Amino acid sequence: MKTLRYRALWFLVLLCTLIPFRGVLAGEPIAVVSQGALAGRYEDGLNIFKGIPYAEPPVGERRFTATKPAAPWGGTRPALDFGASCVQPPLPATSLYADEPDAMDEDCLTLNVWAPTAAEKAPVIVWIYGGALQRGSSAAPMYDGAAFARRGIVFVSINYRLGVFGWLAHPELSAESPRGASGNYGLLDQIEALKWVRTNIKAFGGDAGNVTIMGESAGALSVSYLLTSPLANGLFDKAIAESPNIRAVPKLKQAGYGLPSAEQFGLMLARKVGAADLHALRSMDAVELALASMKARFWAQGTIDGWSLPRQVVDVFDAGAQAPVPLLAGFNSGEVRSQAMFLPPVPVSAEAYEAEISKRYGDLAPAFLKVYPATDMRESMLATLRDAIYGWATERMVKSQSDAGIPAYLYIFDHCDDAAKARDLCAFHASELPYVFGQVGEDAQLPTNWPKPMGADDKALSAAMMDYWVSFARNGKPASGGHDAWLTYAEGEAYMRFETHPIAAQNPVPGMFEMQEELVARRRAAGQQWFINVGLTANPVPGPAEAVQ
C-alpha cells in the first residue's frame, strides 16, 4: 500500500510537469509550465511572475539564429525579477523617450505574467514594446501589467531581439539556415513567445483560446508582421496596433522599392563595423556591436524572406491573406510633434509651399492641398508626415479587415494634458501609453523626460480607454460604460476620438486616406518607396500612366 501511495505521488508530480498547473506553496504562487515549476510573487491580489525564459539564449554561435524553445529546468525556478533587457544602444539622456534598462544581455528572451489570483479562463493580452526595433524592454516601468490584471486580464509582456541582433540578414547566415533565410530573428522570437503562451498560459488562469496581441510603434509594426506571417497563424485571436506603419522592406536577395537587398544591407553593415565574415560578427562584443551598428546607421526592419515574411505587408492585405482576427488600431493626432526634426524648413510663404507641392505632386496636388493646406504650413507639414507614417497605415489595416468582413475599430488619440501642452507636445507619438496602462497621476511610472498627465480629466480618460481595451480583449467589442458606443469602421467609417473624453465620430481625416492610397498605389506600381517620401521633400509622384508597370 505504501509503495502504491509513493507511485501515485510520483505520477502526480510527473503529470504536473506535463500539464500546465498552478497552486500556492508557502505563500508564493506556483505555476508549472512545460519547462518546469515557477515560483512567483503575490502582490495586491495578483500573482506576478517575471523573467520566465521562453527560448534558448541566443548567445555565442546561436547569435543570429532562429529561435528555439527554452530547455527544461530542474526544481522550482524563482520568477521574482525581470530578466535582462536585450542589448541595445542608448538614447541621448535628453530624449523624451530615454528610459535606459537596468541590465542588458544577449540572454534576454524572457517574458512576464501578471494575473488575478482567481483567474480562470481569463482573456490574455501579449504586449510587444516599441522602440524602432532598436530599443525597448518589457521591464520598462510604464509597461507594468498590474492595472490590466486588476481588470481581469492575464497580461504577458515579452522581450525580443533588437537592432542588428534581431534583424540582420547576411549571405552567410542564409547559407547556414535550413530555410535559406536570414533576418527576422526578432519576429521569430515573438512567434516563439506566442507559442509558449498558447501552451502554458492556462497555468496562470489564462484562456489559450482568447489571446490578443498588442503593440505600439515598432510593436504595432510587429503586430502587422504577425498578422501577415504564416508562422503566426492560429497563435492569437485579436490584435491591437497603436501607431502602426506599413512600409516596403527589403527582399532577402533582390533589390526593390529603391532598397538594396537585405543581404546587401548586411554586407554593408559588416564592412562598416570591421567584420570580415560571419565568424567576426559573432565574435564581437555585444555592446560594441550594438554601438557600432548604431553609428553605421543600421536600420532594423523586416526582411521578405519567403518564409516568415513571404510578401510585403500591404501585398498580403491586398490579397486578403492576413490573419482573420478582430483588429483595434489607431494613431495620435500629434504623432510627429516629438519627431519634428524630420521636417524640412517651413517655406517662406504660402505661395512657395503651394508651388513646391504642385511641382512634386502633379495632378494629385489639389487633393493634397485640400487635406494639408497652406493656411498653417507647419501644422500641415506635421500632419503630412503623421499620415504618411501612421495615419494611412492605420486606416489601411482597419479597412482591409473590414472589407474582409472582420470586425475592426479605429481610433485617434487627440487628448492634450497640461504637461504636454506646455511643451507643444499635444498627442505626441506614444503619448497614449500612460492612458492605456493606467499610468496617470502622481504615482505614474514614466520615463524621466515624459510629460506627466495629472488631471482629473486625464484619469477619467485613462479609465475609459482601459475599459475599451479590456472589453475588446475579452470579447472583440470595445465598450466603456457611460461612454459613447464604439462602432466598427464598416459602419460609415466610424471611429473613436479620444479628446478629454471618448467621442464617437465618422470619417477620421476627410480626404486623407483616399489621397494617400492613390499616392501609395502609384509609388508601389512604379517600384518606388512610399514611406516618408512625402510633402516638400517628396520625389516627384508618378502620373497615372507612369505608375502602370
Protein backbone atom coordinates (compact mmCIF):
# COMPACT_ATOMS: atom_id res chain seq x y z
CA MET A 1 0.00 0.00 0.00
CA LYS A 2 2.85 2.38 0.91
CA THR A 3 4.51 1.63 -2.43
CA LEU A 4 1.27 2.39 -4.22
CA ARG A 5 0.99 5.76 -2.46
CA TYR A 6 4.54 6.67 -3.49
CA ARG A 7 3.80 5.66 -7.07
CA ALA A 8 0.63 7.75 -7.06
CA LEU A 9 2.54 10.76 -5.71
CA TRP A 10 5.26 10.31 -8.32
CA PHE A 11 2.62 10.09 -11.04
CA LEU A 12 1.05 13.37 -9.83
CA VAL A 13 4.43 15.15 -9.88
CA LEU A 14 5.11 13.82 -13.37
CA LEU A 15 1.66 14.91 -14.54
CA CYS A 16 2.23 18.44 -13.26
CA THR A 17 5.38 18.72 -15.36
CA LEU A 18 3.42 17.77 -18.46
CA ILE A 19 0.22 19.78 -17.91
CA PRO A 20 0.12 23.49 -17.01
CA PHE A 21 -0.72 23.76 -13.31
CA ARG A 22 -0.96 26.44 -10.67
CA GLY A 23 -1.12 26.48 -6.90
CA VAL A 24 0.34 28.09 -3.76
CA LEU A 25 3.37 26.96 -1.79
CA ALA A 26 4.50 28.74 1.41
CA GLY A 27 2.53 31.84 0.41
CA GLU A 28 4.09 32.03 -3.06
CA PRO A 29 2.12 31.35 -6.23
CA ILE A 30 3.42 28.32 -8.09
CA ALA A 31 2.91 27.66 -11.80
CA VAL A 32 4.08 24.52 -13.53
CA VAL A 33 4.72 25.09 -17.22
CA SER A 34 6.19 22.90 -19.94
CA GLN A 35 9.78 23.60 -18.83
CA GLY A 36 9.24 23.15 -15.09
CA ALA A 37 7.91 24.83 -11.96
CA LEU A 38 7.96 28.59 -11.32
CA ALA A 39 7.66 30.46 -8.02
CA GLY A 40 6.24 33.94 -8.38
CA ARG A 41 5.10 36.68 -6.03
CA TYR A 42 1.69 37.51 -4.59
CA GLU A 43 1.07 41.26 -4.56
CA ASP A 44 -2.18 43.20 -4.02
CA GLY A 45 -4.46 40.46 -5.24
CA LEU A 46 -2.27 39.48 -8.18
CA ASN A 47 0.08 36.63 -8.99
CA ILE A 48 3.17 38.04 -10.67
CA PHE A 49 5.86 36.01 -12.43
CA LYS A 50 8.86 37.72 -14.03
CA GLY A 51 11.87 36.72 -16.10
CA ILE A 52 10.45 33.43 -17.44
CA PRO A 53 12.64 32.01 -20.22
CA TYR A 54 10.58 31.15 -23.29
CA ALA A 55 13.55 30.44 -25.59
CA GLU A 56 17.13 29.27 -25.51
CA PRO A 57 19.67 32.10 -25.03
CA PRO A 58 20.79 33.37 -28.48
CA VAL A 59 24.45 33.65 -27.46
CA GLY A 60 27.78 32.53 -28.94
CA GLU A 61 27.23 30.52 -32.09
CA ARG A 62 23.47 30.95 -31.59
CA ARG A 63 23.75 34.70 -32.26
CA PHE A 64 21.82 35.37 -35.48
CA THR A 65 19.93 32.06 -35.48
CA ALA A 66 16.25 31.13 -35.41
CA THR A 67 14.58 30.96 -32.01
CA LYS A 68 14.47 27.63 -30.16
CA PRO A 69 12.18 26.79 -27.23
CA ALA A 70 13.64 27.07 -23.74
CA ALA A 71 15.07 23.89 -22.26
CA PRO A 72 13.55 22.37 -19.11
CA TRP A 73 14.98 23.31 -15.74
CA GLY A 74 15.21 21.29 -12.57
CA GLY A 75 13.46 22.13 -9.31
CA THR A 76 11.39 25.27 -8.86
CA ARG A 77 12.72 28.33 -10.65
CA PRO A 78 12.30 31.72 -8.92
CA ALA A 79 10.35 34.15 -11.13
CA LEU A 80 10.63 37.26 -8.98
CA ASP A 81 12.73 39.63 -11.09
CA PHE A 82 12.71 40.83 -14.68
CA GLY A 83 15.22 39.19 -16.98
CA ALA A 84 17.90 41.29 -18.63
CA SER A 85 16.79 43.56 -21.44
CA CYS A 86 18.08 42.77 -24.91
CA VAL A 87 21.29 44.53 -25.91
CA GLN A 88 20.62 47.96 -27.42
CA PRO A 89 22.31 51.32 -27.96
CA PRO A 90 21.44 54.17 -25.58
CA LEU A 91 19.24 57.14 -26.33
CA PRO A 92 20.51 60.63 -25.54
CA ALA A 93 19.77 61.48 -21.91
CA THR A 94 17.68 64.44 -23.07
CA SER A 95 15.39 62.31 -25.27
CA LEU A 96 11.72 62.30 -24.44
CA TYR A 97 11.85 58.51 -24.64
CA ALA A 98 15.08 57.92 -22.67
CA ASP A 99 14.43 55.07 -20.24
CA GLU A 100 17.62 53.05 -20.09
CA PRO A 101 17.28 49.43 -18.89
CA ASP A 102 18.89 48.41 -15.61
CA ALA A 103 20.64 45.41 -17.17
CA MET A 104 21.30 44.24 -20.74
CA ASP A 105 22.41 40.89 -22.09
CA GLU A 106 22.07 38.78 -25.20
CA ASP A 107 20.49 36.19 -22.91
CA CYS A 108 17.26 38.17 -22.82
CA LEU A 109 14.44 36.06 -24.22
CA THR A 110 12.14 36.12 -21.24
CA LEU A 111 8.55 37.11 -20.55
CA ASN A 112 6.49 38.26 -17.57
CA VAL A 113 2.97 37.47 -16.39
CA TRP A 114 0.53 39.43 -14.23
CA ALA A 115 -2.64 37.51 -13.35
CA PRO A 116 -5.60 37.86 -10.98
CA THR A 117 -5.27 35.27 -8.23
CA ALA A 118 -8.68 33.81 -9.04
CA ALA A 119 -8.26 33.92 -12.82
CA GLU A 120 -9.97 31.10 -14.69
CA LYS A 121 -10.02 31.14 -18.50
CA ALA A 122 -9.31 34.88 -18.36
CA PRO A 123 -8.62 36.83 -21.56
CA VAL A 124 -4.92 37.21 -22.34
CA ILE A 125 -3.02 40.23 -23.70
CA VAL A 126 0.54 39.82 -25.00
CA TRP A 127 2.37 43.15 -25.05
CA ILE A 128 5.07 43.91 -27.66
CA TYR A 129 7.06 47.06 -26.87
CA GLY A 130 8.06 49.75 -29.34
CA GLY A 131 11.40 51.44 -29.93
CA ALA A 132 12.08 51.35 -33.70
CA LEU A 133 13.03 47.65 -33.36
CA GLN A 134 16.26 49.06 -31.92
CA ARG A 135 15.38 49.68 -28.29
CA GLY A 136 12.84 48.74 -25.66
CA SER A 137 12.24 46.41 -22.76
CA SER A 138 9.41 44.53 -21.09
CA ALA A 139 10.91 45.73 -17.80
CA ALA A 140 10.13 49.40 -18.52
CA PRO A 141 8.06 50.61 -15.52
CA MET A 142 5.43 52.20 -17.79
CA TYR A 143 4.57 48.73 -19.11
CA ASP A 144 3.65 47.30 -15.71
CA GLY A 145 0.76 44.91 -16.31
CA ALA A 146 -0.89 45.23 -12.90
CA ALA A 147 -3.63 47.66 -13.99
CA PHE A 148 -4.74 45.25 -16.71
CA ALA A 149 -4.62 42.27 -14.35
CA ARG A 150 -6.83 44.11 -11.85
CA ARG A 151 -9.41 44.34 -14.62
CA GLY A 152 -9.40 40.59 -15.14
CA ILE A 153 -6.73 40.24 -17.83
CA VAL A 154 -3.81 37.81 -17.74
CA PHE A 155 -1.18 40.21 -19.04
CA VAL A 156 2.04 39.00 -20.65
CA SER A 157 4.96 41.18 -21.73
CA ILE A 158 7.83 39.81 -23.79
CA ASN A 159 11.40 40.65 -24.72
CA TYR A 160 12.59 40.11 -28.29
CA ARG A 161 15.95 40.68 -30.01
CA LEU A 162 16.65 44.21 -31.19
CA GLY A 163 18.77 46.02 -33.74
CA VAL A 164 21.46 44.03 -35.50
CA PHE A 165 20.84 41.02 -33.23
CA GLY A 166 17.19 40.77 -34.20
CA TRP A 167 17.06 41.92 -37.81
CA LEU A 168 20.40 41.29 -39.60
CA ALA A 169 20.32 39.40 -42.89
CA HIS A 170 23.61 38.21 -44.42
CA PRO A 171 24.55 35.76 -47.22
CA GLU A 172 26.50 33.53 -44.80
CA LEU A 173 23.54 33.42 -42.44
CA SER A 174 21.19 32.47 -45.27
CA ALA A 175 23.62 29.77 -46.41
CA GLU A 176 23.73 28.11 -42.99
CA SER A 177 19.96 28.29 -42.50
CA PRO A 178 17.91 25.17 -43.33
CA ARG A 179 15.35 27.58 -44.82
CA GLY A 180 17.91 29.53 -46.82
CA ALA A 181 16.73 32.63 -44.97
CA SER A 182 18.16 35.20 -42.56
CA GLY A 183 16.96 38.26 -40.67
CA ASN A 184 13.63 38.49 -38.82
CA TYR A 185 15.07 36.91 -35.67
CA GLY A 186 13.12 39.38 -33.54
CA LEU A 187 9.92 38.31 -35.28
CA LEU A 188 10.77 34.65 -34.72
CA ASP A 189 11.26 35.47 -31.03
CA GLN A 190 7.78 36.98 -30.88
CA ILE A 191 6.31 33.90 -32.58
CA GLU A 192 8.08 31.56 -30.14
CA ALA A 193 6.74 33.62 -27.23
CA LEU A 194 3.20 33.28 -28.63
CA LYS A 195 3.68 29.51 -28.93
CA TRP A 196 4.77 29.46 -25.28
CA VAL A 197 1.64 31.41 -24.32
CA ARG A 198 -0.65 29.03 -26.22
CA THR A 199 0.96 26.08 -24.44
CA ASN A 200 1.34 27.45 -20.92
CA ILE A 201 -0.99 30.36 -20.15
CA LYS A 202 -3.56 28.03 -18.59
CA ALA A 203 -1.10 27.62 -15.68
CA PHE A 204 -1.73 31.29 -14.82
CA GLY A 205 -5.51 31.21 -15.28
CA GLY A 206 -5.46 32.46 -18.85
CA ASP A 207 -7.53 31.28 -21.78
CA ALA A 208 -5.22 29.97 -24.51
CA GLY A 209 -8.11 30.39 -26.95
CA ASN A 210 -8.52 34.11 -26.26
CA VAL A 211 -5.17 35.81 -26.84
CA THR A 212 -4.83 39.42 -28.00
CA ILE A 213 -1.52 40.71 -29.30
CA MET A 214 -0.92 44.39 -28.57
CA GLY A 215 1.92 46.65 -29.62
CA GLU A 216 2.79 50.31 -30.07
CA SER A 217 5.04 51.88 -32.73
CA ALA A 218 7.60 49.16 -33.58
CA GLY A 219 5.40 46.87 -31.50
CA ALA A 220 2.48 47.78 -33.78
CA LEU A 221 4.73 47.20 -36.80
CA SER A 222 5.41 43.79 -35.26
CA VAL A 223 1.64 43.26 -34.99
CA SER A 224 1.39 43.90 -38.75
CA TYR A 225 4.17 41.33 -39.33
CA LEU A 226 2.38 38.80 -37.13
CA LEU A 227 -0.90 39.42 -38.95
CA THR A 228 0.80 38.55 -42.24
CA SER A 229 3.29 35.83 -41.21
CA PRO A 230 2.15 32.26 -41.93
CA LEU A 231 4.29 31.14 -38.98
CA ALA A 232 1.99 33.04 -36.61
CA ASN A 233 -1.24 31.53 -37.95
CA GLY A 234 -3.50 30.40 -35.13
CA LEU A 235 -1.33 31.81 -32.35
CA PHE A 236 -3.60 34.76 -31.46
CA ASP A 237 -7.25 35.69 -31.68
CA LYS A 238 -7.35 39.51 -31.77
CA ALA A 239 -4.90 42.34 -32.38
CA ILE A 240 -4.36 45.89 -31.11
CA ALA A 241 -1.99 48.16 -33.06
CA GLU A 242 -1.18 51.59 -31.63
CA SER A 243 0.53 53.82 -34.23
CA PRO A 244 1.44 51.18 -36.81
CA ASN A 245 3.18 51.81 -40.10
CA ILE A 246 3.24 49.88 -43.35
CA ARG A 247 6.36 50.38 -45.40
CA ALA A 248 8.24 48.44 -48.04
CA VAL A 249 11.03 46.36 -46.52
CA PRO A 250 13.97 44.74 -48.32
CA LYS A 251 13.74 41.42 -50.10
CA LEU A 252 16.30 38.90 -48.94
CA LYS A 253 18.31 38.64 -52.15
CA GLN A 254 16.87 41.20 -54.57
CA ALA A 255 16.75 44.97 -54.66
CA GLY A 256 13.33 46.56 -54.80
CA TYR A 257 11.33 49.68 -53.95
CA GLY A 258 14.53 51.70 -54.05
CA LEU A 259 16.17 49.47 -51.42
CA PRO A 260 19.18 47.16 -51.68
CA SER A 261 18.57 43.53 -50.77
CA ALA A 262 18.57 42.67 -47.09
CA GLU A 263 21.70 40.58 -47.58
CA GLN A 264 23.38 43.58 -49.21
CA PHE A 265 22.41 45.70 -46.21
CA GLY A 266 24.07 43.04 -44.03
CA LEU A 267 27.27 43.05 -46.07
CA MET A 268 27.44 46.85 -45.87
CA LEU A 269 26.94 46.71 -42.11
CA ALA A 270 29.69 44.11 -41.71
CA ARG A 271 32.14 46.28 -43.64
CA LYS A 272 31.27 49.37 -41.62
CA VAL A 273 31.81 47.61 -38.28
CA GLY A 274 35.05 45.96 -39.46
CA ALA A 275 33.81 42.36 -39.52
CA ALA A 276 35.33 40.35 -42.36
CA ASP A 277 32.89 37.46 -42.09
CA LEU A 278 30.13 35.88 -40.03
CA HIS A 279 32.58 34.48 -37.50
CA ALA A 280 33.86 38.00 -36.85
CA LEU A 281 30.29 39.30 -36.42
CA ARG A 282 29.59 36.57 -33.90
CA SER A 283 32.84 37.19 -32.06
CA MET A 284 32.33 40.92 -31.49
CA ASP A 285 31.36 42.07 -28.01
CA ALA A 286 27.59 42.55 -27.98
CA VAL A 287 27.58 46.10 -26.64
CA GLU A 288 30.37 47.14 -29.02
CA LEU A 289 28.44 45.65 -31.96
CA ALA A 290 25.26 47.44 -30.92
CA LEU A 291 27.08 50.78 -30.72
CA ALA A 292 28.96 50.22 -33.98
CA SER A 293 25.71 49.30 -35.73
CA MET A 294 24.07 52.48 -34.48
CA LYS A 295 27.00 54.55 -35.81
CA ALA A 296 26.73 52.68 -39.11
CA ARG A 297 23.02 53.63 -39.21
CA PHE A 298 21.80 50.05 -39.39
CA TRP A 299 18.06 50.14 -40.00
CA ALA A 300 16.28 47.39 -38.11
CA GLN A 301 13.36 46.16 -40.17
CA GLY A 302 11.73 43.03 -41.51
CA THR A 303 13.02 41.06 -44.49
CA ILE A 304 10.90 39.47 -47.19
CA ASP A 305 12.46 36.02 -46.83
CA GLY A 306 9.74 33.85 -48.40
CA TRP A 307 9.28 32.06 -45.08
CA SER A 308 8.47 34.16 -42.02
CA LEU A 309 7.51 37.17 -44.15
CA PRO A 310 6.67 35.82 -47.60
CA ARG A 311 5.37 39.12 -49.05
CA GLN A 312 5.17 42.81 -48.27
CA VAL A 313 2.59 43.52 -45.58
CA VAL A 314 0.46 45.63 -47.92
CA ASP A 315 0.51 42.88 -50.56
CA VAL A 316 -0.79 40.34 -48.03
CA PHE A 317 -3.60 42.71 -47.06
CA ASP A 318 -4.39 43.27 -50.74
CA ALA A 319 -4.75 39.53 -51.21
CA GLY A 320 -6.94 39.19 -48.11
CA ALA A 321 -4.45 36.65 -46.74
CA GLN A 322 -3.87 38.33 -43.37
CA ALA A 323 -4.98 36.71 -40.11
CA PRO A 324 -8.81 36.91 -39.95
CA VAL A 325 -8.94 38.33 -36.43
CA PRO A 326 -10.71 41.40 -34.99
CA LEU A 327 -8.49 44.48 -35.01
CA LEU A 328 -8.38 47.66 -32.94
CA ALA A 329 -5.92 50.21 -34.33
CA GLY A 330 -5.27 53.93 -34.12
CA PHE A 331 -2.84 56.81 -34.20
CA ASN A 332 -2.24 60.08 -32.39
CA SER A 333 -3.16 63.47 -33.82
CA GLY A 334 0.23 64.96 -32.91
CA GLU A 335 2.38 61.90 -33.67
CA VAL A 336 5.38 63.74 -35.08
CA ARG A 337 5.46 66.66 -32.63
CA SER A 338 8.13 64.60 -30.86
CA GLN A 339 9.78 63.80 -34.21
CA ALA A 340 9.78 67.30 -35.70
CA MET A 341 13.49 67.01 -36.53
CA PHE A 342 12.39 65.07 -39.62
CA LEU A 343 10.54 68.10 -41.02
CA PRO A 344 12.15 70.35 -43.64
CA PRO A 345 12.18 74.12 -43.05
CA VAL A 346 8.82 75.86 -43.32
CA PRO A 347 8.59 77.70 -46.69
CA VAL A 348 8.82 81.47 -46.68
CA SER A 349 5.26 81.92 -47.94
CA ALA A 350 2.03 80.08 -48.68
CA GLU A 351 2.68 80.61 -52.37
CA ALA A 352 6.08 78.92 -52.09
CA TYR A 353 4.50 75.99 -50.21
CA GLU A 354 1.79 75.50 -52.83
CA ALA A 355 4.26 75.82 -55.70
CA GLU A 356 6.55 73.15 -54.20
CA ILE A 357 3.66 70.76 -53.61
CA SER A 358 2.36 71.34 -57.16
CA LYS A 359 5.81 70.60 -58.58
CA ARG A 360 6.15 67.33 -56.64
CA TYR A 361 2.58 66.04 -56.66
CA GLY A 362 1.41 66.97 -60.14
CA ASP A 363 -2.23 66.02 -60.69
CA LEU A 364 -2.51 64.95 -57.02
CA ALA A 365 -1.55 68.41 -55.76
CA PRO A 366 -5.13 69.75 -55.46
CA ALA A 367 -6.16 66.75 -53.35
CA PHE A 368 -3.01 67.09 -51.24
CA LEU A 369 -3.54 70.81 -50.62
CA LYS A 370 -7.14 70.25 -49.65
CA VAL A 371 -6.03 67.93 -46.84
CA TYR A 372 -2.83 69.84 -45.98
CA PRO A 373 -3.48 73.49 -46.86
CA ALA A 374 -1.08 76.41 -46.73
CA THR A 375 -3.16 78.28 -44.14
CA ASP A 376 -0.96 76.84 -41.34
CA MET A 377 2.07 75.38 -43.05
CA ARG A 378 3.78 73.91 -40.00
CA GLU A 379 0.64 72.13 -38.87
CA SER A 380 0.08 70.84 -42.40
CA MET A 381 3.67 69.60 -42.55
CA LEU A 382 3.25 67.80 -39.22
CA ALA A 383 0.01 66.22 -40.44
CA THR A 384 1.58 65.20 -43.77
CA LEU A 385 4.34 63.25 -42.06
CA ARG A 386 1.95 61.84 -39.47
CA ASP A 387 -0.35 60.43 -42.11
CA ALA A 388 2.46 59.17 -44.32
CA ILE A 389 3.85 57.10 -41.45
CA TYR A 390 0.87 56.29 -39.25
CA GLY A 391 -2.48 57.62 -40.48
CA TRP A 392 -2.69 55.88 -43.85
CA ALA A 393 -1.27 52.62 -42.46
CA THR A 394 -3.77 52.53 -39.61
CA GLU A 395 -6.78 53.16 -41.81
CA ARG A 396 -5.45 50.74 -44.45
CA MET A 397 -5.21 47.91 -41.90
CA VAL A 398 -8.65 48.64 -40.43
CA LYS A 399 -10.28 49.00 -43.84
CA SER A 400 -8.70 45.75 -45.06
CA GLN A 401 -10.09 43.82 -42.10
CA SER A 402 -13.48 45.49 -42.58
CA ASP A 403 -13.53 44.68 -46.30
CA ALA A 404 -12.90 41.04 -45.37
CA GLY A 405 -15.95 41.08 -43.10
CA ILE A 406 -13.88 41.09 -39.89
CA PRO A 407 -14.76 43.49 -37.04
CA ALA A 408 -12.27 46.34 -36.98
CA TYR A 409 -12.15 49.51 -34.90
CA LEU A 410 -10.24 52.74 -35.50
CA TYR A 411 -9.31 55.50 -33.04
CA ILE A 412 -7.49 58.82 -33.00
CA PHE A 413 -5.90 59.90 -29.74
CA ASP A 414 -6.36 63.67 -29.64
CA HIS A 415 -6.02 64.46 -25.94
CA CYS A 416 -3.67 67.14 -24.66
CA ASP A 417 -2.87 67.15 -20.95
CA ASP A 418 -1.45 70.27 -19.32
CA ALA A 419 2.15 69.00 -19.18
CA ALA A 420 2.19 68.10 -22.88
CA LYS A 421 0.52 71.39 -23.85
CA ALA A 422 3.20 73.38 -22.02
CA ARG A 423 5.84 71.76 -24.24
CA ASP A 424 3.93 71.85 -27.56
CA LEU A 425 3.68 68.05 -27.43
CA CYS A 426 -0.07 67.54 -27.66
CA ALA A 427 -0.89 63.91 -28.55
CA PHE A 428 2.74 63.14 -29.43
CA HIS A 429 3.94 59.70 -30.55
CA ALA A 430 3.30 57.14 -27.78
CA SER A 431 1.53 59.69 -25.55
CA GLU A 432 -1.49 57.38 -25.33
CA LEU A 433 0.55 54.74 -23.48
CA PRO A 434 0.17 56.14 -19.93
CA TYR A 435 -3.59 56.23 -20.51
CA VAL A 436 -3.68 52.68 -21.85
CA PHE A 437 -1.58 51.32 -18.96
CA GLY A 438 -3.27 53.33 -16.21
CA GLN A 439 -0.07 55.30 -15.59
CA VAL A 440 -1.76 58.62 -14.86
CA GLY A 441 -1.30 60.72 -11.73
CA GLU A 442 1.35 61.35 -9.13
CA ASP A 443 2.39 57.69 -8.86
CA ALA A 444 2.73 57.12 -12.60
CA GLN A 445 5.93 55.32 -13.61
CA LEU A 446 7.02 57.21 -16.73
CA PRO A 447 10.38 57.96 -18.36
CA THR A 448 12.19 60.89 -16.74
CA ASN A 449 11.54 63.41 -19.54
CA TRP A 450 7.94 62.40 -20.24
CA PRO A 451 5.18 64.99 -19.67
CA LYS A 452 3.20 63.53 -16.79
CA PRO A 453 -0.63 63.57 -17.09
CA MET A 454 -2.02 64.53 -13.68
CA GLY A 455 -5.52 65.97 -14.02
CA ALA A 456 -8.92 64.53 -13.17
CA ASP A 457 -9.82 64.50 -16.89
CA ASP A 458 -6.64 62.56 -17.60
CA LYS A 459 -7.53 59.92 -15.01
CA ALA A 460 -11.10 59.62 -16.29
CA LEU A 461 -9.90 59.26 -19.88
CA SER A 462 -7.40 56.60 -18.84
CA ALA A 463 -10.13 54.62 -17.10
CA ALA A 464 -12.34 54.79 -20.19
CA MET A 465 -9.55 53.75 -22.56
CA MET A 466 -8.65 50.81 -20.35
CA ASP A 467 -12.31 49.79 -20.37
CA TYR A 468 -12.37 49.80 -24.17
CA TRP A 469 -9.08 47.88 -24.48
CA VAL A 470 -10.05 45.27 -21.88
CA SER A 471 -13.50 44.80 -23.36
CA PHE A 472 -12.00 44.26 -26.80
CA ALA A 473 -9.57 41.69 -25.39
CA ARG A 474 -12.44 39.94 -23.63
CA ASN A 475 -14.94 39.61 -26.48
CA GLY A 476 -13.72 41.56 -29.51
CA LYS A 477 -16.06 44.53 -28.87
CA PRO A 478 -14.59 47.67 -27.25
CA ALA A 479 -17.02 49.19 -24.73
CA SER A 480 -16.92 51.51 -21.72
CA GLY A 481 -19.97 52.05 -19.52
CA GLY A 482 -21.31 55.59 -19.62
CA HIS A 483 -19.31 56.48 -22.74
CA ASP A 484 -20.06 56.52 -26.45
CA ALA A 485 -20.59 53.22 -28.24
CA TRP A 486 -17.63 52.38 -30.46
CA LEU A 487 -18.93 51.26 -33.85
CA THR A 488 -16.95 49.21 -36.31
CA TYR A 489 -15.19 51.07 -39.13
CA ALA A 490 -17.52 49.31 -41.58
CA GLU A 491 -20.42 51.33 -40.14
CA GLY A 492 -19.85 54.51 -42.14
CA GLU A 493 -16.10 54.82 -41.48
CA ALA A 494 -16.83 55.12 -37.78
CA TYR A 495 -14.03 55.75 -35.30
CA MET A 496 -13.48 56.88 -31.70
CA ARG A 497 -11.77 60.18 -30.98
CA PHE A 498 -10.17 60.37 -27.55
CA GLU A 499 -10.17 64.04 -26.54
CA THR A 500 -10.97 65.00 -22.93
CA HIS A 501 -13.41 62.09 -23.19
CA PRO A 502 -14.26 59.49 -25.85
CA ILE A 503 -16.25 60.89 -28.80
CA ALA A 504 -17.75 58.60 -31.44
CA ALA A 505 -17.43 60.09 -34.93
CA GLN A 506 -17.11 59.26 -38.61
CA ASN A 507 -14.59 59.85 -41.42
CA PRO A 508 -11.35 60.19 -39.38
CA VAL A 509 -9.38 62.68 -41.54
CA PRO A 510 -11.54 63.71 -44.52
CA GLY A 511 -9.79 63.14 -47.82
CA MET A 512 -6.58 61.83 -46.26
CA PHE A 513 -6.97 58.11 -46.87
CA GLU A 514 -8.15 58.46 -50.45
CA MET A 515 -5.28 60.77 -51.40
CA GLN A 516 -2.63 58.72 -49.59
CA GLU A 517 -3.99 55.47 -51.01
CA GLU A 518 -3.68 56.78 -54.55
CA LEU A 519 -0.19 58.12 -53.81
CA VAL A 520 0.99 54.82 -52.35
CA ALA A 521 -0.60 52.83 -55.18
CA ARG A 522 1.29 54.86 -57.79
CA ARG A 523 4.61 54.54 -56.00
CA ARG A 524 4.11 50.81 -55.48
CA ALA A 525 3.27 50.28 -59.14
CA ALA A 526 6.36 52.26 -60.15
CA GLY A 527 8.58 50.25 -57.78
CA GLN A 528 9.24 53.26 -55.54
CA GLN A 529 9.47 53.53 -51.77
CA TRP A 530 6.49 55.39 -50.30
CA PHE A 531 7.42 55.55 -46.62
CA ILE A 532 8.12 59.19 -45.58
CA ASN A 533 8.64 60.01 -49.28
CA VAL A 534 6.11 62.81 -48.93
CA GLY A 535 5.50 66.52 -48.68
CA LEU A 536 8.01 69.21 -49.53
CA THR A 537 10.89 66.74 -49.96
CA ALA A 538 8.96 64.05 -51.87
CA ASN A 539 10.32 62.62 -55.07
CA PRO A 540 8.02 63.54 -57.97
CA VAL A 541 4.85 61.48 -57.83
CA PRO A 542 4.34 59.27 -60.89
CA GLY A 543 1.36 60.18 -63.00
CA PRO A 544 -1.36 57.58 -63.61
CA ALA A 545 0.28 56.36 -66.82
CA GLU A 546 3.80 56.25 -65.31
CA ALA A 547 2.58 54.17 -62.38
CA VAL A 548 1.49 51.28 -64.62
CA GLN A 549 4.30 48.73 -64.96
